[in-house]
Amino acid sequence: MLNSGADPNYAIEDPFTNDKKEYVIATSPLMRAARLDLNVLKLLIKHGADPHKKLGERQLALLGEAIGASKFDIIDYLIDDIGLDVNQPMRVRKNDSLFIQDYIKKFMNYQEGSEGDKNKQKLIEKLERLGVDFKNYDYKL
């Protein structure tokens, strides 16, 4: 579809309820790919999808999708190769914003010593080197 001219930046900017009374969330092919597959994500970016674009009034961030799905290969790619700003909000709420620390605490719960826990600790170390504060952060989730 991309080779035939499909828009890689197509997005549903804001959630809505359709005619069938189904709730449709803000999303895009890039957001979905960030939860599923690194190769698809790279393909979309290669065809012009903007990884820096945030969706809707809540300003949903691509990196938040990858963290929510615990896709460490995608997280590393977005930070190391794309250079997404890890200090920007993952989501804006009415009274505050959620940051990467909130997402990691909420979505990356692994048994101590497991492979997931080891990957999480490596990610936290990388983020701390990039200036993300996990010790003095006021967690919201």
N, C-alpha and C. Protein backbone atom coordinates (compact mmCIF):
# COMPACT_ATOMS: atom_id res chain seq x y z
N MET A 1 0.82 -1.18 0.00
CA MET A 1 0.00 0.00 0.00
C MET A 1 0.87 1.25 0.00
N LEU A 2 1.97 1.21 0.75
CA LEU A 2 2.86 2.36 0.78
C LEU A 2 3.44 2.64 -0.60
N ASN A 3 3.80 1.59 -1.32
CA ASN A 3 4.34 1.76 -2.67
C ASN A 3 3.30 2.32 -3.63
N SER A 4 2.03 2.17 -3.29
CA SER A 4 0.96 2.68 -4.14
C SER A 4 0.47 4.06 -3.70
N GLY A 5 1.15 4.65 -2.72
CA GLY A 5 0.82 6.01 -2.32
C GLY A 5 0.04 6.18 -1.04
N ALA A 6 -0.10 5.13 -0.25
CA ALA A 6 -0.80 5.27 1.04
C ALA A 6 -0.05 6.26 1.91
N ASP A 7 -0.78 7.04 2.68
CA ASP A 7 -0.18 8.06 3.55
C ASP A 7 0.38 7.41 4.81
N PRO A 8 1.72 7.41 4.99
CA PRO A 8 2.29 6.78 6.19
C PRO A 8 2.01 7.58 7.46
N ASN A 9 1.53 8.81 7.31
CA ASN A 9 1.21 9.64 8.47
C ASN A 9 -0.29 9.70 8.77
N TYR A 10 -1.07 8.83 8.10
CA TYR A 10 -2.50 8.78 8.39
C TYR A 10 -2.68 8.54 9.89
N ALA A 11 -3.64 9.24 10.48
CA ALA A 11 -3.86 9.07 11.92
C ALA A 11 -5.30 9.40 12.27
N ILE A 12 -5.78 8.74 13.29
CA ILE A 12 -7.00 9.15 13.97
C ILE A 12 -6.51 10.02 15.11
N GLU A 13 -6.66 11.31 14.97
CA GLU A 13 -6.07 12.26 15.91
C GLU A 13 -6.72 12.25 17.29
N ASP A 14 -8.01 12.09 17.32
CA ASP A 14 -8.72 12.13 18.60
C ASP A 14 -9.70 10.96 18.68
N PRO A 15 -9.88 10.42 19.88
CA PRO A 15 -10.82 9.31 20.04
C PRO A 15 -12.25 9.77 19.78
N PHE A 16 -13.08 8.82 19.36
CA PHE A 16 -14.49 9.13 19.12
C PHE A 16 -15.31 7.86 19.23
N THR A 17 -16.62 8.02 19.27
CA THR A 17 -17.54 6.89 19.25
C THR A 17 -18.20 6.88 17.88
N ASN A 18 -18.10 5.75 17.18
CA ASN A 18 -18.64 5.67 15.82
C ASN A 18 -20.15 5.39 15.83
N ASP A 19 -20.70 5.24 14.64
CA ASP A 19 -22.14 5.01 14.48
C ASP A 19 -22.63 3.75 15.16
N LYS A 20 -21.74 2.78 15.32
CA LYS A 20 -22.11 1.52 15.96
C LYS A 20 -21.92 1.57 17.47
N LYS A 21 -21.64 2.79 17.99
CA LYS A 21 -21.43 3.01 19.43
C LYS A 21 -20.15 2.35 19.94
N GLU A 22 -19.19 2.15 19.02
CA GLU A 22 -17.89 1.59 19.39
C GLU A 22 -16.91 2.74 19.62
N TYR A 23 -16.16 2.64 20.68
CA TYR A 23 -15.16 3.66 21.00
C TYR A 23 -13.90 3.40 20.17
N VAL A 24 -13.44 4.41 19.47
CA VAL A 24 -12.25 4.31 18.62
C VAL A 24 -11.18 5.23 19.21
N ILE A 25 -10.03 4.65 19.54
CA ILE A 25 -8.97 5.43 20.18
C ILE A 25 -8.13 6.17 19.14
N ALA A 26 -7.44 7.21 19.59
CA ALA A 26 -6.49 7.92 18.73
C ALA A 26 -5.35 6.96 18.42
N THR A 27 -5.02 6.83 17.14
CA THR A 27 -3.97 5.90 16.75
C THR A 27 -3.52 6.19 15.32
N SER A 28 -2.50 5.50 14.92
CA SER A 28 -1.99 5.59 13.55
C SER A 28 -1.28 4.28 13.24
N PRO A 29 -0.99 4.02 11.97
CA PRO A 29 -0.21 2.82 11.65
C PRO A 29 1.13 2.79 12.40
N LEU A 30 1.75 3.94 12.54
CA LEU A 30 3.03 4.01 13.25
C LEU A 30 2.86 3.65 14.73
N MET A 31 1.80 4.16 15.35
CA MET A 31 1.53 3.83 16.76
C MET A 31 1.28 2.33 16.92
N ARG A 32 0.52 1.76 16.02
CA ARG A 32 0.24 0.32 16.09
C ARG A 32 1.53 -0.48 15.89
N ALA A 33 2.35 -0.07 14.92
CA ALA A 33 3.60 -0.78 14.65
C ALA A 33 4.53 -0.74 15.86
N ALA A 34 4.52 0.36 16.60
CA ALA A 34 5.38 0.49 17.78
C ALA A 34 5.03 -0.53 18.86
N ARG A 35 3.83 -1.06 18.81
CA ARG A 35 3.41 -2.08 19.76
C ARG A 35 3.64 -3.49 19.24
N LEU A 36 3.96 -3.60 17.93
CA LEU A 36 3.95 -4.91 17.31
C LEU A 36 5.25 -5.37 16.69
N ASP A 37 5.85 -4.54 15.80
CA ASP A 37 6.92 -5.08 14.98
C ASP A 37 7.91 -4.00 14.54
N LEU A 38 9.18 -4.21 14.83
CA LEU A 38 10.22 -3.24 14.49
C LEU A 38 10.36 -3.07 12.98
N ASN A 39 10.28 -4.15 12.21
CA ASN A 39 10.44 -4.04 10.76
C ASN A 39 9.33 -3.22 10.12
N VAL A 40 8.11 -3.39 10.60
CA VAL A 40 7.00 -2.60 10.07
C VAL A 40 7.19 -1.13 10.45
N LEU A 41 7.62 -0.89 11.68
CA LEU A 41 7.89 0.48 12.12
C LEU A 41 8.95 1.14 11.23
N LYS A 42 10.04 0.43 10.98
CA LYS A 42 11.10 0.96 10.12
C LYS A 42 10.59 1.22 8.70
N LEU A 43 9.76 0.33 8.19
CA LEU A 43 9.20 0.50 6.85
C LEU A 43 8.35 1.77 6.77
N LEU A 44 7.52 1.98 7.76
CA LEU A 44 6.68 3.17 7.78
C LEU A 44 7.53 4.44 7.85
N ILE A 45 8.56 4.43 8.68
CA ILE A 45 9.44 5.60 8.79
C ILE A 45 10.20 5.82 7.49
N LYS A 46 10.65 4.75 6.87
CA LYS A 46 11.34 4.84 5.58
C LYS A 46 10.45 5.51 4.53
N HIS A 47 9.15 5.27 4.62
CA HIS A 47 8.21 5.85 3.66
C HIS A 47 7.67 7.20 4.12
N GLY A 48 8.26 7.78 5.15
CA GLY A 48 7.93 9.15 5.53
C GLY A 48 7.08 9.34 6.76
N ALA A 49 6.75 8.26 7.49
CA ALA A 49 5.99 8.43 8.72
C ALA A 49 6.83 9.21 9.73
N ASP A 50 6.22 10.13 10.42
CA ASP A 50 6.92 11.01 11.35
C ASP A 50 6.91 10.43 12.76
N PRO A 51 8.04 9.92 13.25
CA PRO A 51 8.07 9.32 14.58
C PRO A 51 7.99 10.36 15.71
N HIS A 52 8.12 11.63 15.37
CA HIS A 52 8.05 12.69 16.38
C HIS A 52 6.63 13.22 16.58
N LYS A 53 5.73 12.84 15.69
CA LYS A 53 4.34 13.32 15.76
C LYS A 53 3.63 12.74 16.97
N LYS A 54 2.94 13.60 17.69
CA LYS A 54 2.13 13.18 18.82
C LYS A 54 0.67 13.29 18.43
N LEU A 55 -0.14 12.40 18.96
CA LEU A 55 -1.53 12.33 18.53
C LEU A 55 -2.50 13.00 19.50
N GLY A 56 -3.41 13.75 18.93
CA GLY A 56 -4.55 14.27 19.65
C GLY A 56 -4.24 15.28 20.73
N GLU A 57 -5.27 15.69 21.41
CA GLU A 57 -5.11 16.69 22.45
C GLU A 57 -4.34 16.14 23.64
N ARG A 58 -4.29 14.82 23.78
CA ARG A 58 -3.51 14.21 24.87
C ARG A 58 -2.04 14.05 24.50
N GLN A 59 -1.71 14.38 23.27
CA GLN A 59 -0.33 14.34 22.80
C GLN A 59 0.32 12.98 23.07
N LEU A 60 -0.34 11.92 22.64
CA LEU A 60 0.17 10.57 22.83
C LEU A 60 1.47 10.39 22.05
N ALA A 61 2.49 9.84 22.69
CA ALA A 61 3.82 9.71 22.10
C ALA A 61 4.08 8.28 21.64
N LEU A 62 4.79 8.18 20.53
CA LEU A 62 5.14 6.88 19.94
C LEU A 62 5.92 6.01 20.93
N LEU A 63 6.86 6.59 21.62
CA LEU A 63 7.67 5.84 22.58
C LEU A 63 6.80 5.22 23.68
N GLY A 64 5.74 5.90 24.07
CA GLY A 64 4.83 5.36 25.08
C GLY A 64 4.16 4.08 24.62
N GLU A 65 3.86 3.99 23.33
CA GLU A 65 3.25 2.77 22.78
C GLU A 65 4.21 1.59 22.90
N ALA A 66 5.47 1.81 22.54
CA ALA A 66 6.47 0.74 22.61
C ALA A 66 6.71 0.30 24.05
N ILE A 67 6.73 1.25 24.97
CA ILE A 67 6.93 0.91 26.38
C ILE A 67 5.72 0.14 26.90
N GLY A 68 4.52 0.58 26.53
CA GLY A 68 3.31 -0.09 26.96
C GLY A 68 3.26 -1.55 26.52
N ALA A 69 3.91 -1.85 25.41
CA ALA A 69 3.94 -3.23 24.90
C ALA A 69 5.23 -3.95 25.28
N SER A 70 6.11 -3.28 26.03
CA SER A 70 7.41 -3.85 26.44
C SER A 70 8.21 -4.36 25.24
N LYS A 71 8.25 -3.58 24.19
CA LYS A 71 9.00 -3.93 22.98
C LYS A 71 10.39 -3.30 23.07
N PHE A 72 11.32 -3.99 23.71
CA PHE A 72 12.63 -3.42 23.98
C PHE A 72 13.41 -3.11 22.71
N ASP A 73 13.27 -3.93 21.67
CA ASP A 73 13.96 -3.65 20.41
C ASP A 73 13.45 -2.36 19.78
N ILE A 74 12.17 -2.13 19.86
CA ILE A 74 11.58 -0.91 19.32
C ILE A 74 11.95 0.29 20.19
N ILE A 75 11.92 0.13 21.49
CA ILE A 75 12.31 1.21 22.41
C ILE A 75 13.74 1.64 22.11
N ASP A 76 14.65 0.68 22.01
CA ASP A 76 16.05 1.00 21.71
C ASP A 76 16.19 1.71 20.38
N TYR A 77 15.48 1.24 19.36
CA TYR A 77 15.53 1.87 18.04
C TYR A 77 15.04 3.32 18.11
N LEU A 78 13.93 3.54 18.79
CA LEU A 78 13.38 4.90 18.87
C LEU A 78 14.29 5.85 19.63
N ILE A 79 14.97 5.34 20.65
CA ILE A 79 15.87 6.19 21.44
C ILE A 79 17.22 6.34 20.74
N ASP A 80 17.83 5.22 20.34
CA ASP A 80 19.19 5.24 19.82
C ASP A 80 19.28 5.71 18.37
N ASP A 81 18.37 5.25 17.52
CA ASP A 81 18.47 5.54 16.08
C ASP A 81 17.63 6.74 15.66
N ILE A 82 16.46 6.89 16.23
CA ILE A 82 15.58 8.00 15.87
C ILE A 82 15.86 9.22 16.74
N GLY A 83 16.29 8.98 17.96
CA GLY A 83 16.63 10.09 18.86
C GLY A 83 15.43 10.76 19.50
N LEU A 84 14.39 9.98 19.78
CA LEU A 84 13.23 10.57 20.45
C LEU A 84 13.63 11.08 21.83
N ASP A 85 13.07 12.20 22.21
CA ASP A 85 13.39 12.87 23.47
C ASP A 85 12.71 12.13 24.62
N VAL A 86 13.50 11.50 25.46
CA VAL A 86 12.98 10.69 26.57
C VAL A 86 12.49 11.54 27.73
N ASN A 87 12.71 12.86 27.66
CA ASN A 87 12.26 13.75 28.72
C ASN A 87 10.93 14.44 28.40
N GLN A 88 10.37 14.15 27.24
CA GLN A 88 9.07 14.71 26.86
C GLN A 88 7.95 13.83 27.40
N PRO A 89 6.77 14.41 27.65
CA PRO A 89 5.65 13.60 28.15
C PRO A 89 5.25 12.50 27.17
N MET A 90 4.85 11.36 27.71
CA MET A 90 4.30 10.27 26.92
C MET A 90 2.82 10.49 26.67
N ARG A 91 2.20 11.27 27.58
CA ARG A 91 0.77 11.55 27.48
C ARG A 91 0.46 12.78 28.33
N VAL A 92 -0.36 13.66 27.82
CA VAL A 92 -0.78 14.84 28.55
C VAL A 92 -2.17 14.60 29.10
N ARG A 93 -2.33 14.87 30.39
CA ARG A 93 -3.65 14.74 31.02
C ARG A 93 -4.14 16.13 31.43
N LYS A 94 -5.36 16.21 31.93
CA LYS A 94 -5.94 17.51 32.27
C LYS A 94 -5.11 18.27 33.30
N ASN A 95 -4.68 17.58 34.35
CA ASN A 95 -3.98 18.26 35.45
C ASN A 95 -2.48 18.03 35.47
N ASP A 96 -1.99 17.11 34.66
CA ASP A 96 -0.56 16.82 34.66
C ASP A 96 -0.20 16.04 33.40
N SER A 97 1.02 15.58 33.35
CA SER A 97 1.48 14.76 32.22
C SER A 97 2.15 13.51 32.75
N LEU A 98 2.10 12.46 31.93
CA LEU A 98 2.77 11.21 32.28
C LEU A 98 4.08 11.14 31.51
N PHE A 99 5.12 10.74 32.19
CA PHE A 99 6.44 10.66 31.59
C PHE A 99 6.91 9.22 31.52
N ILE A 100 8.07 9.02 30.96
CA ILE A 100 8.59 7.68 30.72
C ILE A 100 8.70 6.87 32.01
N GLN A 101 9.01 7.54 33.12
CA GLN A 101 9.10 6.84 34.41
C GLN A 101 7.76 6.21 34.79
N ASP A 102 6.66 6.95 34.57
CA ASP A 102 5.33 6.42 34.88
C ASP A 102 5.04 5.19 34.04
N TYR A 103 5.36 5.26 32.75
CA TYR A 103 5.07 4.15 31.83
C TYR A 103 5.89 2.91 32.20
N ILE A 104 7.14 3.10 32.52
CA ILE A 104 7.98 1.94 32.88
C ILE A 104 7.47 1.29 34.16
N LYS A 105 7.13 2.10 35.15
CA LYS A 105 6.62 1.56 36.41
C LYS A 105 5.30 0.82 36.19
N LYS A 106 4.40 1.38 35.38
CA LYS A 106 3.07 0.79 35.17
C LYS A 106 3.11 -0.46 34.30
N PHE A 107 3.88 -0.42 33.20
CA PHE A 107 3.78 -1.48 32.19
C PHE A 107 4.90 -2.51 32.23
N MET A 108 5.95 -2.26 32.96
CA MET A 108 7.07 -3.19 32.95
C MET A 108 7.27 -3.83 34.31
N ASN A 109 6.32 -4.67 34.67
CA ASN A 109 6.39 -5.39 35.94
C ASN A 109 6.84 -6.82 35.66
N TYR A 110 8.07 -7.10 36.02
CA TYR A 110 8.64 -8.42 35.77
C TYR A 110 9.12 -9.03 37.07
N GLN A 111 9.18 -10.32 37.09
CA GLN A 111 9.73 -11.02 38.25
C GLN A 111 11.22 -10.71 38.31
N GLU A 112 11.70 -10.43 39.50
CA GLU A 112 13.11 -10.09 39.69
C GLU A 112 14.00 -11.20 39.14
N GLY A 113 14.99 -10.80 38.34
CA GLY A 113 15.94 -11.74 37.76
C GLY A 113 15.51 -12.32 36.42
N SER A 114 14.27 -12.07 36.02
CA SER A 114 13.80 -12.59 34.73
C SER A 114 14.45 -11.82 33.58
N GLU A 115 14.31 -12.35 32.38
CA GLU A 115 14.85 -11.68 31.19
C GLU A 115 14.23 -10.29 31.02
N GLY A 116 12.93 -10.19 31.23
CA GLY A 116 12.26 -8.90 31.14
C GLY A 116 12.80 -7.91 32.16
N ASP A 117 13.04 -8.38 33.38
CA ASP A 117 13.60 -7.52 34.43
C ASP A 117 15.00 -7.04 34.06
N LYS A 118 15.80 -7.93 33.50
CA LYS A 118 17.16 -7.53 33.07
C LYS A 118 17.09 -6.48 31.97
N ASN A 119 16.19 -6.66 31.01
CA ASN A 119 16.02 -5.68 29.94
C ASN A 119 15.52 -4.34 30.48
N LYS A 120 14.61 -4.41 31.44
CA LYS A 120 14.09 -3.19 32.07
C LYS A 120 15.22 -2.44 32.78
N GLN A 121 16.06 -3.16 33.51
CA GLN A 121 17.16 -2.52 34.23
C GLN A 121 18.16 -1.87 33.26
N LYS A 122 18.44 -2.54 32.14
CA LYS A 122 19.32 -1.95 31.12
C LYS A 122 18.71 -0.68 30.55
N LEU A 123 17.41 -0.72 30.32
CA LEU A 123 16.72 0.46 29.80
C LEU A 123 16.79 1.61 30.81
N ILE A 124 16.54 1.32 32.07
CA ILE A 124 16.60 2.35 33.10
C ILE A 124 17.99 2.95 33.17
N GLU A 125 19.02 2.12 33.10
CA GLU A 125 20.41 2.63 33.11
C GLU A 125 20.65 3.55 31.93
N LYS A 126 20.18 3.17 30.76
CA LYS A 126 20.34 4.01 29.57
C LYS A 126 19.62 5.34 29.76
N LEU A 127 18.39 5.28 30.26
CA LEU A 127 17.61 6.49 30.45
C LEU A 127 18.24 7.41 31.49
N GLU A 128 18.79 6.83 32.54
CA GLU A 128 19.48 7.65 33.55
C GLU A 128 20.68 8.36 32.94
N ARG A 129 21.41 7.67 32.04
CA ARG A 129 22.53 8.33 31.35
C ARG A 129 22.05 9.49 30.48
N LEU A 130 20.79 9.40 30.03
CA LEU A 130 20.20 10.45 29.20
C LEU A 130 19.49 11.53 30.03
N GLY A 131 19.63 11.44 31.35
CA GLY A 131 19.10 12.48 32.22
C GLY A 131 17.74 12.22 32.82
N VAL A 132 17.19 11.04 32.67
CA VAL A 132 15.88 10.72 33.25
C VAL A 132 16.10 10.35 34.72
N ASP A 133 15.35 11.00 35.62
CA ASP A 133 15.50 10.80 37.05
C ASP A 133 14.43 9.83 37.55
N PHE A 134 14.85 8.67 38.01
CA PHE A 134 13.93 7.69 38.55
C PHE A 134 13.84 7.76 40.07
N LYS A 135 14.87 8.32 40.71
CA LYS A 135 14.91 8.33 42.18
C LYS A 135 14.07 9.45 42.79
N ASN A 136 14.06 10.62 42.17
CA ASN A 136 13.37 11.78 42.74
C ASN A 136 12.09 12.13 41.98
N TYR A 137 11.63 11.24 41.14
CA TYR A 137 10.45 11.51 40.32
C TYR A 137 9.18 11.28 41.11
N ASP A 138 8.19 12.15 40.95
CA ASP A 138 6.89 12.02 41.60
C ASP A 138 5.97 11.21 40.70
N TYR A 139 5.92 9.90 40.93
CA TYR A 139 5.17 8.98 40.06
C TYR A 139 3.67 9.26 40.14
N LYS A 140 3.02 9.17 38.97
CA LYS A 140 1.60 9.48 38.88
C LYS A 140 0.73 8.26 38.61
N LEU A 141 1.33 7.14 38.31
CA LEU A 141 0.56 5.91 38.06
C LEU A 141 0.91 4.86 39.10
